PDB file of N, CA and C in Angstrom:
ATOM      1  N   MET A   1      85.682 114.913  84.833  1.00  0.00           N
ATOM      2  CA  MET A   1      86.730 115.612  84.133  1.00  0.00           C
ATOM      3  C   MET A   1      86.907 116.969  84.794  1.00  0.00           C
ATOM      4  N   LYS A   2      88.101 117.278  85.182  1.00  0.00           N
ATOM      5  CA  LYS A   2      88.388 118.554  85.815  1.00  0.00           C
ATOM      6  C   LYS A   2      88.889 119.555  84.771  1.00  0.00           C
ATOM      7  N   VAL A   3      88.406 120.769  84.852  1.00  0.00           N
ATOM      8  CA  VAL A   3      88.868 121.865  84.012  1.00  0.00           C
ATOM      9  C   VAL A   3      89.677 122.785  84.916  1.00  0.00           C
ATOM     10  N   TYR A   4      90.928 123.032  84.538  1.00  0.00           N
ATOM     11  CA  TYR A   4      91.844 123.789  85.388  1.00  0.00           C
ATOM     12  C   TYR A   4      91.996 125.231  84.931  1.00  0.00           C
ATOM     13  N   GLU A   5      92.244 126.080  85.904  1.00  0.00           N
ATOM     14  CA  GLU A   5      92.575 127.478  85.680  1.00  0.00           C
ATOM     15  C   GLU A   5      94.038 127.634  86.077  1.00  0.00           C
ATOM     16  N   THR A   6      94.855 128.228  85.234  1.00  0.00           N
ATOM     17  CA  THR A   6      96.257 128.450  85.565  1.00  0.00           C
ATOM     18  C   THR A   6      96.362 129.663  86.469  1.00  0.00           C
ATOM     19  N   VAL A   7      96.822 129.434  87.696  1.00  0.00           N
ATOM     20  CA  VAL A   7      96.974 130.510  88.668  1.00  0.00           C
ATOM     21  C   VAL A   7      98.329 131.167  88.471  1.00  0.00           C
ATOM     22  N   THR A   8      99.364 130.362  88.433  1.00  0.00           N
ATOM     23  CA  THR A   8     100.704 130.798  88.061  1.00  0.00           C
ATOM     24  C   THR A   8     101.210 129.755  87.081  1.00  0.00           C
ATOM     25  N   GLU A   9     102.394 129.937  86.579  1.00  0.00           N
ATOM     26  CA  GLU A   9     102.910 129.001  85.587  1.00  0.00           C
ATOM     27  C   GLU A   9     102.978 127.571  86.117  1.00  0.00           C
ATOM     28  N   ASP A  10     103.295 127.387  87.387  1.00  0.00           N
ATOM     29  CA  ASP A  10     103.443 126.054  87.962  1.00  0.00           C
ATOM     30  C   ASP A  10     102.272 125.639  88.853  1.00  0.00           C
ATOM     31  N   ASN A  11     101.266 126.482  88.961  1.00  0.00           N
ATOM     32  CA  ASN A  11     100.181 126.207  89.900  1.00  0.00           C
ATOM     33  C   ASN A  11      98.844 126.274  89.175  1.00  0.00           C
ATOM     34  N   LYS A  12      98.070 125.185  89.265  1.00  0.00           N
ATOM     35  CA  LYS A  12      96.748 125.155  88.662  1.00  0.00           C
ATOM     36  C   LYS A  12      95.719 124.923  89.753  1.00  0.00           C
ATOM     37  N   ARG A  13      94.537 125.492  89.557  1.00  0.00           N
ATOM     38  CA  ARG A  13      93.435 125.338  90.502  1.00  0.00           C
ATOM     39  C   ARG A  13      92.238 124.802  89.712  1.00  0.00           C
ATOM     40  N   VAL A  14      91.506 123.877  90.328  1.00  0.00           N
ATOM     41  CA  VAL A  14      90.324 123.318  89.672  1.00  0.00           C
ATOM     42  C   VAL A  14      89.271 124.414  89.552  1.00  0.00           C
ATOM     43  N   GLU A  15      88.920 124.737  88.321  1.00  0.00           N
ATOM     44  CA  GLU A  15      87.924 125.770  88.062  1.00  0.00           C
ATOM     45  C   GLU A  15      86.523 125.175  88.065  1.00  0.00           C
ATOM     46  N   LYS A  16      86.382 124.008  87.419  1.00  0.00           N
ATOM     47  CA  LYS A  16      85.100 123.316  87.431  1.00  0.00           C
ATOM     48  C   LYS A  16      85.328 121.826  87.230  1.00  0.00           C
ATOM     49  N   VAL A  17      84.327 121.047  87.627  1.00  0.00           N
ATOM     50  CA  VAL A  17      84.373 119.596  87.478  1.00  0.00           C
ATOM     51  C   VAL A  17      83.153 119.187  86.666  1.00  0.00           C
ATOM     52  N   LEU A  18      83.381 118.376  85.636  1.00  0.00           N
ATOM     53  CA  LEU A  18      82.305 117.886  84.784  1.00  0.00           C
ATOM     54  C   LEU A  18      82.173 116.384  84.953  1.00  0.00           C
ATOM     55  N   CYS A  19      80.939 115.898  84.995  1.00  0.00           N
ATOM     56  CA  CYS A  19      80.689 114.462  85.086  1.00  0.00           C
ATOM     57  C   CYS A  19      81.021 113.833  83.735  1.00  0.00           C
ATOM     58  N   ASN A  20      81.876 112.816  83.737  1.00  0.00           N
ATOM     59  CA  ASN A  20      82.241 112.147  82.496  1.00  0.00           C
ATOM     60  C   ASN A  20      81.094 111.310  81.925  1.00  0.00           C
ATOM     61  N   CYS A  21      80.088 110.968  82.722  1.00  0.00           N
ATOM     62  CA  CYS A  21      78.954 110.176  82.236  1.00  0.00           C
ATOM     63  C   CYS A  21      77.914 111.041  81.532  1.00  0.00           C
ATOM     64  N   CYS A  22      77.429 112.075  82.214  1.00  0.00           N
ATOM     65  CA  CYS A  22      76.329 112.880  81.668  1.00  0.00           C
ATOM     66  C   CYS A  22      76.782 114.243  81.151  1.00  0.00           C
ATOM     67  N   GLY A  23      77.994 114.664  81.488  1.00  0.00           N
ATOM     68  CA  GLY A  23      78.524 115.936  81.009  1.00  0.00           C
ATOM     69  C   GLY A  23      78.121 117.147  81.827  1.00  0.00           C
ATOM     70  N   LYS A  24      77.276 116.942  82.832  1.00  0.00           N
ATOM     71  CA  LYS A  24      76.830 118.078  83.644  1.00  0.00           C
ATOM     72  C   LYS A  24      77.954 118.557  84.555  1.00  0.00           C
ATOM     73  N   GLU A  25      77.901 119.857  84.861  1.00  0.00           N
ATOM     74  CA  GLU A  25      78.893 120.445  85.755  1.00  0.00           C
ATOM     75  C   GLU A  25      78.526 120.142  87.202  1.00  0.00           C
ATOM     76  N   ILE A  26      79.526 119.742  87.993  1.00  0.00           N
ATOM     77  CA  ILE A  26      79.341 119.543  89.421  1.00  0.00           C
ATOM     78  C   ILE A  26      79.245 120.934  90.038  1.00  0.00           C
ATOM     79  N   THR A  27      78.163 121.201  90.742  1.00  0.00           N
ATOM     80  CA  THR A  27      77.936 122.543  91.270  1.00  0.00           C
ATOM     81  C   THR A  27      78.873 122.859  92.427  1.00  0.00           C
ATOM     82  N   LYS A  28      79.105 124.153  92.600  1.00  0.00           N
ATOM     83  CA  LYS A  28      79.926 124.658  93.697  1.00  0.00           C
ATOM     84  C   LYS A  28      79.025 125.395  94.671  1.00  0.00           C
ATOM     85  N   GLN A  29      79.160 125.098  95.962  1.00  0.00           N
ATOM     86  CA  GLN A  29      78.380 125.779  96.985  1.00  0.00           C
ATOM     87  C   GLN A  29      79.326 126.272  98.064  1.00  0.00           C
ATOM     88  N   HIS A  30      79.297 127.567  98.319  1.00  0.00           N
ATOM     89  CA  HIS A  30      80.151 128.180  99.343  1.00  0.00           C
ATOM     90  C   HIS A  30      81.627 127.878  99.096  1.00  0.00           C
ATOM     91  N   GLY A  31      82.031 127.826  97.823  1.00  0.00           N
ATOM     92  CA  GLY A  31      83.422 127.599  97.476  1.00  0.00           C
ATOM     93  C   GLY A  31      83.849 126.142  97.411  1.00  0.00           C
ATOM     94  N   TYR A  32      82.920 125.215  97.659  1.00  0.00           N
ATOM     95  CA  TYR A  32      83.236 123.781  97.638  1.00  0.00           C
ATOM     96  C   TYR A  32      82.354 123.074  96.617  1.00  0.00           C
ATOM     97  N   PHE A  33      82.935 122.083  95.938  1.00  0.00           N
ATOM     98  CA  PHE A  33      82.167 121.304  94.975  1.00  0.00           C
ATOM     99  C   PHE A  33      81.223 120.360  95.707  1.00  0.00           C
ATOM    100  N   SER A  34      80.023 120.160  95.129  1.00  0.00           N
ATOM    101  CA  SER A  34      79.115 119.145  95.651  1.00  0.00           C
ATOM    102  C   SER A  34      79.828 117.795  95.574  1.00  0.00           C
ATOM    103  N   ASP A  35      79.366 116.847  96.354  1.00  0.00           N
ATOM    104  CA  ASP A  35      80.035 115.556  96.412  1.00  0.00           C
ATOM    105  C   ASP A  35      79.957 114.837  95.059  1.00  0.00           C
ATOM    106  N   TYR A  36      81.042 114.209  94.662  1.00  0.00           N
ATOM    107  CA  TYR A  36      81.121 113.441  93.427  1.00  0.00           C
ATOM    108  C   TYR A  36      82.188 112.369  93.609  1.00  0.00           C
ATOM    109  N   LEU A  37      82.223 111.416  92.701  1.00  0.00           N
ATOM    110  CA  LEU A  37      83.203 110.331  92.770  1.00  0.00           C
ATOM    111  C   LEU A  37      84.329 110.611  91.783  1.00  0.00           C
ATOM    112  N   HIS A  38      85.562 110.593  92.274  1.00  0.00           N
ATOM    113  CA  HIS A  38      86.741 110.734  91.417  1.00  0.00           C
ATOM    114  C   HIS A  38      87.474 109.403  91.427  1.00  0.00           C
ATOM    115  N   ILE A  39      87.766 108.876  90.251  1.00  0.00           N
ATOM    116  CA  ILE A  39      88.449 107.585  90.136  1.00  0.00           C
ATOM    117  C   ILE A  39      89.744 107.780  89.357  1.00  0.00           C
ATOM    118  N   GLU A  40      90.836 107.245  89.915  1.00  0.00           N
ATOM    119  CA  GLU A  40      92.128 107.172  89.229  1.00  0.00           C
ATOM    120  C   GLU A  40      92.526 105.712  89.201  1.00  0.00           C
ATOM    121  N   LYS A  41      92.855 105.187  88.029  1.00  0.00           N
ATOM    122  CA  LYS A  41      93.234 103.784  87.900  1.00  0.00           C
ATOM    123  C   LYS A  41      94.497 103.669  87.069  1.00  0.00           C
ATOM    124  N   GLN A  42      95.548 103.121  87.673  1.00  0.00           N
ATOM    125  CA  GLN A  42      96.784 102.804  86.959  1.00  0.00           C
ATOM    126  C   GLN A  42      96.695 101.334  86.566  1.00  0.00           C
ATOM    127  N   TRP A  43      96.637 101.059  85.279  1.00  0.00           N
ATOM    128  CA  TRP A  43      96.486  99.686  84.808  1.00  0.00           C
ATOM    129  C   TRP A  43      97.804  98.937  84.913  1.00  0.00           C
ATOM    130  N   GLY A  44      97.712  97.665  85.230  1.00  0.00           N
ATOM    131  CA  GLY A  44      98.882  96.851  85.479  1.00  0.00           C
ATOM    132  C   GLY A  44      99.390  96.106  84.260  1.00  0.00           C
ATOM    133  N   TYR A  45     100.466  95.379  84.493  1.00  0.00           N
ATOM    134  CA  TYR A  45     101.197  94.679  83.443  1.00  0.00           C
ATOM    135  C   TYR A  45     100.348  93.663  82.687  1.00  0.00           C
ATOM    136  N   PHE A  46      99.482  92.935  83.371  1.00  0.00           N
ATOM    137  CA  PHE A  46      98.741  91.853  82.728  1.00  0.00           C
ATOM    138  C   PHE A  46      97.404  92.298  82.143  1.00  0.00           C
ATOM    139  N   SER A  47      97.154  93.578  82.076  1.00  0.00           N
ATOM    140  CA  SER A  47      95.904  94.064  81.488  1.00  0.00           C
ATOM    141  C   SER A  47      96.132  94.440  80.026  1.00  0.00           C
ATOM    142  N   GLN A  48      95.044  94.666  79.324  1.00  0.00           N
ATOM    143  CA  GLN A  48      95.111  95.137  77.938  1.00  0.00           C
ATOM    144  C   GLN A  48      95.471  96.628  77.880  1.00  0.00           C
ATOM    145  N   LYS A  49      95.509  97.269  79.034  1.00  0.00           N
ATOM    146  CA  LYS A  49      95.772  98.710  79.108  1.00  0.00           C
ATOM    147  C   LYS A  49      97.071  98.985  79.865  1.00  0.00           C
ATOM    148  N   ASP A  50      98.039  98.127  79.730  1.00  0.00           N
ATOM    149  CA  ASP A  50      99.303  98.180  80.459  1.00  0.00           C
ATOM    150  C   ASP A  50      99.885  99.591  80.496  1.00  0.00           C
ATOM    151  N   SER A  51     100.150 100.080  81.716  1.00  0.00           N
ATOM    152  CA  SER A  51     100.779 101.376  81.998  1.00  0.00           C
ATOM    153  C   SER A  51      99.871 102.582  81.749  1.00  0.00           C
ATOM    154  N   ARG A  52      98.650 102.364  81.318  1.00  0.00           N
ATOM    155  CA  ARG A  52      97.737 103.483  81.093  1.00  0.00           C
ATOM    156  C   ARG A  52      97.145 103.930  82.428  1.00  0.00           C
ATOM    157  N   LYS A  53      96.965 105.234  82.591  1.00  0.00           N
ATOM    158  CA  LYS A  53      96.341 105.773  83.798  1.00  0.00           C
ATOM    159  C   LYS A  53      95.064 106.493  83.391  1.00  0.00           C
ATOM    160  N   ASP A  54      93.939 106.022  83.926  1.00  0.00           N
ATOM    161  CA  ASP A  54      92.641 106.613  83.641  1.00  0.00           C
ATOM    162  C   ASP A  54      92.204 107.465  84.823  1.00  0.00           C
ATOM    163  N   ASN A  55      91.595 108.615  84.541  1.00  0.00           N
ATOM    164  CA  ASN A  55      91.031 109.518  85.546  1.00  0.00           C
ATOM    165  C   ASN A  55      89.659 109.935  85.069  1.00  0.00           C
ATOM    166  N   PHE A  56      88.666 109.848  85.953  1.00  0.00           N
ATOM    167  CA  PHE A  56      87.355 110.374  85.597  1.00  0.00           C
ATOM    168  C   PHE A  56      86.550 110.716  86.840  1.00  0.00           C
ATOM    169  N   ASP A  57      85.520 111.541  86.622  1.00  0.00           N
ATOM    170  CA  ASP A  57      84.672 112.039  87.692  1.00  0.00           C
ATOM    171  C   ASP A  57      83.220 111.712  87.362  1.00  0.00           C
ATOM    172  N   ILE A  58      82.459 111.337  88.396  1.00  0.00           N
ATOM    173  CA  ILE A  58      81.063 110.952  88.212  1.00  0.00           C
ATOM    174  C   ILE A  58      80.208 111.682  89.244  1.00  0.00           C
ATOM    175  N   CYS A  59      79.133 112.321  88.779  1.00  0.00           N
ATOM    176  CA  CYS A  59      78.215 113.008  89.689  1.00  0.00           C
ATOM    177  C   CYS A  59      77.428 111.975  90.500  1.00  0.00           C
ATOM    178  N   GLU A  60      76.755 112.443  91.539  1.00  0.00           N
ATOM    179  CA  GLU A  60      76.042 111.532  92.432  1.00  0.00           C
ATOM    180  C   GLU A  60      74.909 110.787  91.711  1.00  0.00           C
ATOM    181  N   ASN A  61      74.189 111.461  90.809  1.00  0.00           N
ATOM    182  CA  ASN A  61      73.109 110.794  90.073  1.00  0.00           C
ATOM    183  C   ASN A  61      73.639 109.668  89.198  1.00  0.00           C
ATOM    184  N   CYS A  62      74.728 109.910  88.483  1.00  0.00           N
ATOM    185  CA  CYS A  62      75.317 108.876  87.621  1.00  0.00           C
ATOM    186  C   CYS A  62      75.926 107.758  88.464  1.00  0.00           C
ATOM    187  N   TYR A  63      76.469 108.104  89.619  1.00  0.00           N
ATOM    188  CA  TYR A  63      76.993 107.092  90.540  1.00  0.00           C
ATOM    189  C   TYR A  63      75.868 106.146  90.947  1.00  0.00           C
ATOM    190  N   ASP A  64      74.702 106.709  91.300  1.00  0.00           N
ATOM    191  CA  ASP A  64      73.567 105.874  91.708  1.00  0.00           C
ATOM    192  C   ASP A  64      73.149 104.931  90.581  1.00  0.00           C
ATOM    193  N   LYS A  65      73.080 105.438  89.360  1.00  0.00           N
ATOM    194  CA  LYS A  65      72.726 104.592  88.212  1.00  0.00           C
ATOM    195  C   LYS A  65      73.771 103.497  88.003  1.00  0.00           C
ATOM    196  N   PHE A  66      75.040 103.869  88.111  1.00  0.00           N
ATOM    197  CA  PHE A  66      76.151 102.931  87.934  1.00  0.00           C
ATOM    198  C   PHE A  66      76.085 101.809  88.969  1.00  0.00           C
ATOM    199  N   VAL A  67      75.959 102.172  90.232  1.00  0.00           N
ATOM    200  CA  VAL A  67      75.935 101.189  91.324  1.00  0.00           C
ATOM    201  C   VAL A  67      74.697 100.298  91.231  1.00  0.00           C
ATOM    202  N   ASN A  68      73.565 100.883  90.848  1.00  0.00           N
ATOM    203  CA  ASN A  68      72.334 100.094  90.727  1.00  0.00           C
ATOM    204  C   ASN A  68      72.378  99.105  89.570  1.00  0.00           C
ATOM    205  N   SER A  69      73.330  99.260  88.657  1.00  0.00           N
ATOM    206  CA  SER A  69      73.458  98.325  87.541  1.00  0.00           C
ATOM    207  C   SER A  69      74.272  97.084  87.908  1.00  0.00           C
ATOM    208  N   PHE A  70      74.884  97.057  89.096  1.00  0.00           N
ATOM    209  CA  PHE A  70      75.700  95.925  89.512  1.00  0.00           C
ATOM    210  C   PHE A  70      74.842  94.692  89.767  1.00  0.00           C
ATOM    211  N   VAL A  71      75.350  93.525  89.417  1.00  0.00           N
ATOM    212  CA  VAL A  71      74.677  92.265  89.720  1.00  0.00           C
ATOM    213  C   VAL A  71      74.735  92.000  91.223  1.00  0.00           C
ATOM    214  N   LEU A  72      75.884  92.243  91.823  1.00  0.00           N
ATOM    215  CA  LEU A  72      76.050  92.090  93.263  1.00  0.00           C
ATOM    216  C   LEU A  72      76.056  93.475  93.902  1.00  0.00           C
ATOM    217  N   PRO A  73      75.277  93.667  94.960  1.00  0.00           N
ATOM    218  CA  PRO A  73      75.207  95.002  95.567  1.00  0.00           C
ATOM    219  C   PRO A  73      76.524  95.387  96.259  1.00  0.00           C
ATOM    220  N   ILE A  74      76.761  96.689  96.318  1.00  0.00           N
ATOM    221  CA  ILE A  74      77.945  97.157  97.024  1.00  0.00           C
ATOM    222  C   ILE A  74      77.709  97.050  98.534  1.00  0.00           C
ATOM    223  N   GLU A  75      78.778  97.111  99.292  1.00  0.00           N
ATOM    224  CA  GLU A  75      78.678  97.072 100.746  1.00  0.00           C
ATOM    225  C   GLU A  75      78.661  98.499 101.276  1.00  0.00           C
ATOM    226  N   TYR A  76      77.712  98.778 102.163  1.00  0.00           N
ATOM    227  CA  TYR A  76      77.605 100.098 102.787  1.00  0.00           C
ATOM    228  C   TYR A  76      78.143 100.017 104.200  1.00  0.00           C
ATOM    229  N   GLN A  77      78.691 101.090 104.693  1.00  0.00           N
ATOM    230  CA  GLN A  77      79.152 101.148 106.091  1.00  0.00           C
ATOM    231  C   GLN A  77      78.515 102.313 106.775  1.00  0.00           C
TER     232      GLN A  77
END
């Protein structure tokens, strides 16, 4: 979840990023956020969530827990 700071009326800047799983703040180092996963999903016509758009952010620790819960492993490159 991103928390925005209004810079001007039409311009917003990300002030902080919170992990939607654990609620912890993604740390900033030298003006840049630590690595995290951002997901945007626009649901399609045949889903139960037709036209809904979901956005969420996951810290690296929660990502590891999430991926390790999969029955089939993810592919690494």
